[in-house]
Amino acid sequence: MIIRWLGAFRKSRENKGLYSALCFEIEQSQRKHVAAEKLQRGQSFIKHARVGLLIKNSAVVKKYKGDVFSEYNANGTLKKTRRPDQAYSYHYEVFCRPEYLGIVLKSTKISQTALQAVKRFTDEYACPIFFLNPSTRRLDRIKIK
């Protein structure tokens, strides 16, 4: 499983909310590749992120066995800024094309505001919602009322 966690890789100076972040990720066309986490046996090692976008496995273009602290250079190409063995994090980073399959919720501790933003987004874009079940380490399809 490959997930692009919102807010996990780079926080925007203009925080316009979760709904805007989801729309940006789906609609943007200037970035050829995005950074994401490759889950290890169904487990995420990025602890602070709770909402992400599921990416097709076939969209992966580069894999690293660690966090390479990626950035975009002047021409918009994603590049690593350190070796994977220098990371302070245990997650595996991948570069992939932004080919999304749905929204992933990692935690049940998500605010009602965030849940409503996810629901609004899924209603507008007809996008499925999944819950990353910590006990089974699988994605369960869910609906938000």
N, C-alpha and C. Protein backbone atom coordinates (compact mmCIF):
# COMPACT_ATOMS: atom_id res chain seq x y z
N MET A 1 0.84 -1.19 0.00
CA MET A 1 0.00 0.00 0.00
C MET A 1 0.88 1.24 0.00
N ILE A 2 0.47 2.20 -0.78
CA ILE A 2 1.20 3.44 -0.89
C ILE A 2 0.23 4.59 -0.61
N ILE A 3 0.61 5.43 0.34
CA ILE A 3 -0.29 6.51 0.76
C ILE A 3 0.47 7.83 0.81
N ARG A 4 -0.13 8.83 0.22
CA ARG A 4 0.38 10.20 0.32
C ARG A 4 -0.37 10.85 1.48
N TRP A 5 0.30 10.94 2.62
CA TRP A 5 -0.31 11.53 3.80
C TRP A 5 -0.32 13.04 3.68
N LEU A 6 -1.45 13.65 3.88
CA LEU A 6 -1.55 15.11 3.79
C LEU A 6 -0.89 15.74 5.01
N GLY A 7 0.01 16.67 4.75
CA GLY A 7 0.74 17.34 5.83
C GLY A 7 1.94 16.57 6.34
N ALA A 8 2.20 15.40 5.78
CA ALA A 8 3.31 14.59 6.29
C ALA A 8 4.65 14.99 5.69
N PHE A 9 4.63 15.44 4.46
CA PHE A 9 5.89 15.70 3.77
C PHE A 9 6.24 17.17 3.69
N ARG A 10 5.28 18.03 3.66
CA ARG A 10 5.57 19.46 3.61
C ARG A 10 4.31 20.21 3.98
N LYS A 11 4.43 21.10 4.92
CA LYS A 11 3.26 21.89 5.31
C LYS A 11 3.26 23.21 4.56
N SER A 12 2.09 23.58 4.09
CA SER A 12 1.94 24.82 3.34
C SER A 12 1.91 26.02 4.28
N ARG A 13 2.44 27.14 3.82
CA ARG A 13 2.34 28.37 4.60
C ARG A 13 0.91 28.89 4.60
N GLU A 14 0.21 28.58 3.54
CA GLU A 14 -1.19 29.01 3.44
C GLU A 14 -2.07 27.80 3.75
N ASN A 15 -2.37 27.59 5.00
CA ASN A 15 -3.19 26.46 5.40
C ASN A 15 -4.65 26.81 5.14
N LYS A 16 -5.20 26.27 4.07
CA LYS A 16 -6.59 26.57 3.71
C LYS A 16 -7.54 25.45 4.11
N GLY A 17 -7.06 24.48 4.83
CA GLY A 17 -7.92 23.43 5.32
C GLY A 17 -7.79 22.13 4.54
N LEU A 18 -8.36 21.10 5.13
CA LEU A 18 -8.26 19.75 4.57
C LEU A 18 -8.95 19.63 3.22
N TYR A 19 -10.14 20.18 3.09
CA TYR A 19 -10.86 20.09 1.82
C TYR A 19 -10.03 20.70 0.69
N SER A 20 -9.46 21.86 0.91
CA SER A 20 -8.62 22.51 -0.12
C SER A 20 -7.39 21.68 -0.44
N ALA A 21 -6.79 21.07 0.59
CA ALA A 21 -5.60 20.24 0.37
C ALA A 21 -5.96 19.02 -0.48
N LEU A 22 -7.09 18.40 -0.21
CA LEU A 22 -7.53 17.25 -1.00
C LEU A 22 -7.79 17.67 -2.45
N CYS A 23 -8.48 18.77 -2.63
CA CYS A 23 -8.77 19.27 -3.98
C CYS A 23 -7.48 19.57 -4.73
N PHE A 24 -6.54 20.21 -4.06
CA PHE A 24 -5.26 20.54 -4.69
C PHE A 24 -4.56 19.27 -5.18
N GLU A 25 -4.50 18.25 -4.33
CA GLU A 25 -3.81 17.01 -4.69
C GLU A 25 -4.44 16.34 -5.91
N ILE A 26 -5.75 16.33 -5.97
CA ILE A 26 -6.46 15.68 -7.07
C ILE A 26 -6.37 16.50 -8.36
N GLU A 27 -6.46 17.83 -8.24
CA GLU A 27 -6.56 18.68 -9.42
C GLU A 27 -5.21 19.16 -9.97
N GLN A 28 -4.16 19.16 -9.15
CA GLN A 28 -2.88 19.72 -9.60
C GLN A 28 -2.33 18.92 -10.78
N SER A 29 -1.69 19.64 -11.69
CA SER A 29 -1.10 18.98 -12.86
C SER A 29 0.35 19.39 -13.08
N GLN A 30 0.87 20.30 -12.25
CA GLN A 30 2.23 20.76 -12.45
C GLN A 30 3.28 19.81 -11.88
N ARG A 31 2.91 18.98 -10.92
CA ARG A 31 3.88 18.05 -10.34
C ARG A 31 3.76 16.68 -11.02
N LYS A 32 4.88 16.27 -11.60
CA LYS A 32 4.91 14.99 -12.28
C LYS A 32 4.92 13.83 -11.28
N HIS A 33 5.59 14.05 -10.13
CA HIS A 33 5.69 13.03 -9.09
C HIS A 33 5.41 13.64 -7.72
N VAL A 34 4.96 12.81 -6.79
CA VAL A 34 4.74 13.22 -5.40
C VAL A 34 5.43 12.22 -4.48
N ALA A 35 5.74 12.67 -3.27
CA ALA A 35 6.33 11.79 -2.27
C ALA A 35 5.21 11.12 -1.49
N ALA A 36 5.43 9.86 -1.13
CA ALA A 36 4.42 9.11 -0.39
C ALA A 36 5.12 8.09 0.51
N GLU A 37 4.34 7.44 1.35
CA GLU A 37 4.88 6.39 2.22
C GLU A 37 4.46 5.04 1.68
N LYS A 38 5.43 4.13 1.58
CA LYS A 38 5.12 2.74 1.28
C LYS A 38 4.96 2.04 2.63
N LEU A 39 3.74 1.58 2.90
CA LEU A 39 3.49 0.94 4.18
C LEU A 39 4.26 -0.37 4.28
N GLN A 40 4.68 -0.70 5.48
CA GLN A 40 5.42 -1.92 5.74
C GLN A 40 4.50 -2.90 6.46
N ARG A 41 4.14 -3.94 5.72
CA ARG A 41 3.20 -4.95 6.24
C ARG A 41 1.91 -4.30 6.75
N GLY A 42 1.42 -3.33 5.99
CA GLY A 42 0.17 -2.67 6.33
C GLY A 42 0.25 -1.68 7.47
N GLN A 43 1.46 -1.28 7.85
CA GLN A 43 1.63 -0.36 8.97
C GLN A 43 2.32 0.92 8.51
N SER A 44 1.78 2.05 8.96
CA SER A 44 2.36 3.35 8.67
C SER A 44 3.28 3.75 9.81
N PHE A 45 4.44 4.32 9.46
CA PHE A 45 5.37 4.81 10.47
C PHE A 45 5.40 6.34 10.54
N ILE A 46 4.53 7.00 9.79
CA ILE A 46 4.35 8.45 9.92
C ILE A 46 3.20 8.64 10.89
N LYS A 47 3.53 9.02 12.11
CA LYS A 47 2.54 9.01 13.19
C LYS A 47 1.58 10.20 13.19
N HIS A 48 2.03 11.39 12.82
CA HIS A 48 1.19 12.57 12.98
C HIS A 48 0.13 12.73 11.90
N ALA A 49 0.30 12.11 10.75
CA ALA A 49 -0.68 12.25 9.66
C ALA A 49 -1.84 11.29 9.88
N ARG A 50 -3.05 11.78 9.60
CA ARG A 50 -4.24 10.95 9.82
C ARG A 50 -5.10 10.77 8.58
N VAL A 51 -4.91 11.64 7.58
CA VAL A 51 -5.70 11.57 6.35
C VAL A 51 -4.73 11.55 5.17
N GLY A 52 -4.97 10.64 4.24
CA GLY A 52 -4.10 10.54 3.08
C GLY A 52 -4.85 10.08 1.86
N LEU A 53 -4.11 9.97 0.78
CA LEU A 53 -4.66 9.51 -0.49
C LEU A 53 -3.96 8.22 -0.89
N LEU A 54 -4.75 7.20 -1.18
CA LEU A 54 -4.23 5.91 -1.62
C LEU A 54 -3.76 6.03 -3.06
N ILE A 55 -2.56 5.55 -3.34
CA ILE A 55 -1.96 5.64 -4.67
C ILE A 55 -1.83 4.25 -5.26
N LYS A 56 -2.04 4.16 -6.56
CA LYS A 56 -1.86 2.89 -7.27
C LYS A 56 -0.44 2.38 -7.09
N ASN A 57 -0.28 1.09 -6.86
CA ASN A 57 1.06 0.51 -6.74
C ASN A 57 1.85 0.69 -8.03
N SER A 58 1.18 0.66 -9.16
CA SER A 58 1.85 0.79 -10.46
C SER A 58 2.34 2.21 -10.73
N ALA A 59 1.98 3.19 -9.88
CA ALA A 59 2.39 4.58 -10.07
C ALA A 59 3.78 4.87 -9.50
N VAL A 60 4.36 3.93 -8.77
CA VAL A 60 5.68 4.14 -8.15
C VAL A 60 6.77 4.22 -9.22
N VAL A 61 7.61 5.26 -9.10
CA VAL A 61 8.73 5.43 -10.03
C VAL A 61 10.08 5.27 -9.34
N LYS A 62 10.15 5.47 -8.02
CA LYS A 62 11.39 5.33 -7.26
C LYS A 62 11.06 4.90 -5.84
N LYS A 63 11.85 3.97 -5.28
CA LYS A 63 11.63 3.48 -3.92
C LYS A 63 12.88 3.70 -3.08
N TYR A 64 12.66 4.00 -1.82
CA TYR A 64 13.77 4.13 -0.87
C TYR A 64 13.41 3.37 0.41
N LYS A 65 14.39 2.70 1.00
CA LYS A 65 14.18 1.99 2.26
C LYS A 65 14.48 2.92 3.42
N GLY A 66 13.79 4.04 3.44
CA GLY A 66 13.96 5.04 4.49
C GLY A 66 13.40 6.36 4.02
N ASP A 67 13.48 7.34 4.90
CA ASP A 67 13.01 8.69 4.62
C ASP A 67 14.15 9.46 3.98
N VAL A 68 13.94 10.00 2.78
CA VAL A 68 15.00 10.74 2.08
C VAL A 68 14.76 12.24 2.12
N PHE A 69 13.78 12.70 2.85
CA PHE A 69 13.45 14.11 3.01
C PHE A 69 13.44 14.79 1.65
N SER A 70 12.44 14.46 0.86
CA SER A 70 12.36 14.93 -0.53
C SER A 70 11.91 16.39 -0.61
N GLU A 71 12.35 17.04 -1.68
CA GLU A 71 11.95 18.42 -1.99
C GLU A 71 11.85 18.56 -3.49
N TYR A 72 11.15 19.61 -3.90
CA TYR A 72 11.09 19.94 -5.32
C TYR A 72 12.20 20.93 -5.62
N ASN A 73 12.96 20.69 -6.69
CA ASN A 73 13.99 21.64 -7.08
C ASN A 73 13.37 22.75 -7.94
N ALA A 74 14.19 23.65 -8.46
CA ALA A 74 13.70 24.84 -9.19
C ALA A 74 12.85 24.49 -10.40
N ASN A 75 13.14 23.37 -11.06
CA ASN A 75 12.35 23.02 -12.25
C ASN A 75 11.16 22.11 -11.93
N GLY A 76 10.87 21.93 -10.64
CA GLY A 76 9.69 21.17 -10.23
C GLY A 76 9.88 19.67 -10.15
N THR A 77 11.12 19.21 -10.22
CA THR A 77 11.40 17.77 -10.12
C THR A 77 11.63 17.39 -8.66
N LEU A 78 11.06 16.28 -8.24
CA LEU A 78 11.22 15.80 -6.88
C LEU A 78 12.60 15.17 -6.74
N LYS A 79 13.31 15.53 -5.66
CA LYS A 79 14.65 14.98 -5.44
C LYS A 79 14.82 14.66 -3.96
N LYS A 80 15.71 13.72 -3.68
CA LYS A 80 16.01 13.40 -2.29
C LYS A 80 17.09 14.36 -1.79
N THR A 81 17.07 14.65 -0.49
CA THR A 81 18.06 15.56 0.07
C THR A 81 19.00 14.85 1.04
N ARG A 82 18.77 13.58 1.31
CA ARG A 82 19.68 12.80 2.15
C ARG A 82 19.52 11.33 1.83
N ARG A 83 20.45 10.54 2.29
CA ARG A 83 20.40 9.09 2.06
C ARG A 83 19.38 8.47 3.01
N PRO A 84 18.75 7.37 2.60
CA PRO A 84 17.74 6.72 3.44
C PRO A 84 18.28 6.28 4.80
N ASP A 85 19.57 5.94 4.88
CA ASP A 85 20.13 5.48 6.15
C ASP A 85 20.44 6.63 7.12
N GLN A 86 20.23 7.87 6.71
CA GLN A 86 20.44 9.02 7.58
C GLN A 86 19.15 9.49 8.23
N ALA A 87 18.08 8.81 7.99
CA ALA A 87 16.76 9.25 8.45
C ALA A 87 16.56 9.05 9.95
N TYR A 88 15.75 9.92 10.51
CA TYR A 88 15.33 9.77 11.91
C TYR A 88 13.95 9.13 11.98
N SER A 89 13.46 8.71 10.84
CA SER A 89 12.14 8.13 10.72
C SER A 89 12.28 6.71 10.18
N TYR A 90 11.30 5.88 10.45
CA TYR A 90 11.35 4.48 10.00
C TYR A 90 10.54 4.22 8.74
N HIS A 91 9.87 5.25 8.20
CA HIS A 91 9.01 4.99 7.05
C HIS A 91 9.82 4.88 5.76
N TYR A 92 9.25 4.12 4.81
CA TYR A 92 9.84 3.98 3.48
C TYR A 92 9.21 5.02 2.59
N GLU A 93 10.04 5.82 1.93
CA GLU A 93 9.52 6.86 1.05
C GLU A 93 9.58 6.40 -0.39
N VAL A 94 8.57 6.78 -1.16
CA VAL A 94 8.54 6.47 -2.59
C VAL A 94 8.17 7.74 -3.34
N PHE A 95 8.64 7.82 -4.58
CA PHE A 95 8.21 8.87 -5.49
C PHE A 95 7.27 8.20 -6.47
N CYS A 96 6.14 8.81 -6.74
CA CYS A 96 5.17 8.20 -7.63
C CYS A 96 4.36 9.25 -8.38
N ARG A 97 3.74 8.78 -9.44
CA ARG A 97 2.82 9.65 -10.17
C ARG A 97 1.56 9.83 -9.31
N PRO A 98 0.93 10.99 -9.37
CA PRO A 98 -0.26 11.23 -8.55
C PRO A 98 -1.50 10.54 -9.13
N GLU A 99 -1.53 9.22 -9.00
CA GLU A 99 -2.66 8.41 -9.48
C GLU A 99 -3.38 7.85 -8.26
N TYR A 100 -4.44 8.54 -7.86
CA TYR A 100 -5.11 8.26 -6.59
C TYR A 100 -6.31 7.33 -6.76
N LEU A 101 -6.50 6.48 -5.75
CA LEU A 101 -7.60 5.51 -5.75
C LEU A 101 -8.67 5.82 -4.71
N GLY A 102 -8.34 6.64 -3.72
CA GLY A 102 -9.31 6.94 -2.67
C GLY A 102 -8.64 7.64 -1.50
N ILE A 103 -9.45 7.94 -0.50
CA ILE A 103 -8.96 8.60 0.72
C ILE A 103 -8.76 7.54 1.79
N VAL A 104 -7.69 7.71 2.58
CA VAL A 104 -7.41 6.79 3.68
C VAL A 104 -7.43 7.56 4.99
N LEU A 105 -8.17 7.03 5.96
CA LEU A 105 -8.18 7.56 7.32
C LEU A 105 -7.40 6.59 8.18
N LYS A 106 -6.43 7.10 8.93
CA LYS A 106 -5.57 6.24 9.73
C LYS A 106 -6.07 6.09 11.16
N SER A 107 -6.83 7.05 11.63
CA SER A 107 -7.17 7.08 13.04
C SER A 107 -8.66 7.34 13.22
N THR A 108 -9.16 6.90 14.35
CA THR A 108 -10.54 7.24 14.71
C THR A 108 -10.58 8.59 15.42
N LYS A 109 -9.41 9.13 15.74
CA LYS A 109 -9.32 10.42 16.42
C LYS A 109 -9.21 11.55 15.39
N ILE A 110 -10.24 11.69 14.60
CA ILE A 110 -10.30 12.73 13.59
C ILE A 110 -11.48 13.64 13.92
N SER A 111 -11.24 14.92 13.87
CA SER A 111 -12.28 15.88 14.25
C SER A 111 -13.48 15.80 13.31
N GLN A 112 -14.61 16.26 13.81
CA GLN A 112 -15.82 16.32 12.99
C GLN A 112 -15.63 17.25 11.80
N THR A 113 -14.86 18.32 11.98
CA THR A 113 -14.59 19.24 10.88
C THR A 113 -13.83 18.52 9.77
N ALA A 114 -12.82 17.73 10.15
CA ALA A 114 -12.05 16.98 9.16
C ALA A 114 -12.92 15.93 8.49
N LEU A 115 -13.75 15.24 9.25
CA LEU A 115 -14.64 14.23 8.66
C LEU A 115 -15.61 14.86 7.67
N GLN A 116 -16.12 16.04 8.00
CA GLN A 116 -17.04 16.72 7.09
C GLN A 116 -16.32 17.17 5.82
N ALA A 117 -15.05 17.57 5.94
CA ALA A 117 -14.26 17.95 4.76
C ALA A 117 -14.04 16.73 3.87
N VAL A 118 -13.75 15.59 4.49
CA VAL A 118 -13.57 14.34 3.73
C VAL A 118 -14.87 13.97 3.04
N LYS A 119 -15.98 14.04 3.77
CA LYS A 119 -17.28 13.70 3.18
C LYS A 119 -17.62 14.62 2.01
N ARG A 120 -17.42 15.90 2.19
CA ARG A 120 -17.69 16.87 1.12
C ARG A 120 -16.85 16.54 -0.13
N PHE A 121 -15.58 16.23 0.11
CA PHE A 121 -14.69 15.89 -1.00
C PHE A 121 -15.15 14.62 -1.71
N THR A 122 -15.47 13.59 -0.95
CA THR A 122 -15.87 12.32 -1.56
C THR A 122 -17.21 12.44 -2.29
N ASP A 123 -18.10 13.27 -1.77
CA ASP A 123 -19.37 13.50 -2.47
C ASP A 123 -19.13 14.20 -3.80
N GLU A 124 -18.23 15.17 -3.81
CA GLU A 124 -17.96 15.94 -5.02
C GLU A 124 -17.16 15.16 -6.05
N TYR A 125 -16.19 14.37 -5.60
CA TYR A 125 -15.29 13.68 -6.52
C TYR A 125 -15.58 12.18 -6.66
N ALA A 126 -16.62 11.69 -6.02
CA ALA A 126 -17.00 10.27 -6.07
C ALA A 126 -15.81 9.37 -5.76
N CYS A 127 -15.18 9.67 -4.64
CA CYS A 127 -13.95 9.00 -4.23
C CYS A 127 -14.25 8.08 -3.04
N PRO A 128 -13.83 6.82 -3.05
CA PRO A 128 -14.08 5.94 -1.91
C PRO A 128 -13.23 6.32 -0.69
N ILE A 129 -13.71 5.96 0.49
CA ILE A 129 -13.00 6.22 1.74
C ILE A 129 -12.63 4.87 2.36
N PHE A 130 -11.38 4.79 2.82
CA PHE A 130 -10.88 3.58 3.47
C PHE A 130 -10.37 3.92 4.86
N PHE A 131 -10.47 2.94 5.77
CA PHE A 131 -9.91 3.06 7.11
C PHE A 131 -8.77 2.06 7.21
N LEU A 132 -7.59 2.53 7.60
CA LEU A 132 -6.44 1.65 7.79
C LEU A 132 -6.58 1.00 9.15
N ASN A 133 -7.09 -0.21 9.14
CA ASN A 133 -7.40 -0.94 10.37
C ASN A 133 -6.10 -1.38 11.05
N PRO A 134 -5.82 -0.88 12.26
CA PRO A 134 -4.55 -1.22 12.91
C PRO A 134 -4.45 -2.68 13.35
N SER A 135 -5.58 -3.33 13.60
CA SER A 135 -5.52 -4.72 14.04
C SER A 135 -5.32 -5.69 12.88
N THR A 136 -5.94 -5.42 11.74
CA THR A 136 -5.78 -6.32 10.60
C THR A 136 -4.73 -5.83 9.61
N ARG A 137 -4.36 -4.52 9.74
CA ARG A 137 -3.40 -3.87 8.84
C ARG A 137 -3.87 -3.92 7.39
N ARG A 138 -5.17 -3.82 7.23
CA ARG A 138 -5.79 -3.80 5.90
C ARG A 138 -6.66 -2.56 5.79
N LEU A 139 -7.01 -2.25 4.56
CA LEU A 139 -7.92 -1.14 4.31
C LEU A 139 -9.36 -1.64 4.30
N ASP A 140 -10.18 -1.05 5.15
CA ASP A 140 -11.61 -1.37 5.17
C ASP A 140 -12.35 -0.20 4.53
N ARG A 141 -13.21 -0.49 3.58
CA ARG A 141 -13.99 0.58 2.94
C ARG A 141 -15.07 1.04 3.91
N ILE A 142 -15.20 2.35 4.08
CA ILE A 142 -16.18 2.89 5.01
C ILE A 142 -16.99 4.00 4.33
N LYS A 143 -18.06 4.41 5.00
CA LYS A 143 -18.85 5.56 4.55
C LYS A 143 -18.98 6.51 5.74
N ILE A 144 -19.01 7.80 5.43
CA ILE A 144 -19.20 8.81 6.45
C ILE A 144 -20.60 9.38 6.27
N LYS A 145 -21.32 9.45 7.38
CA LYS A 145 -22.71 9.96 7.33
C LYS A 145 -22.75 11.45 7.49
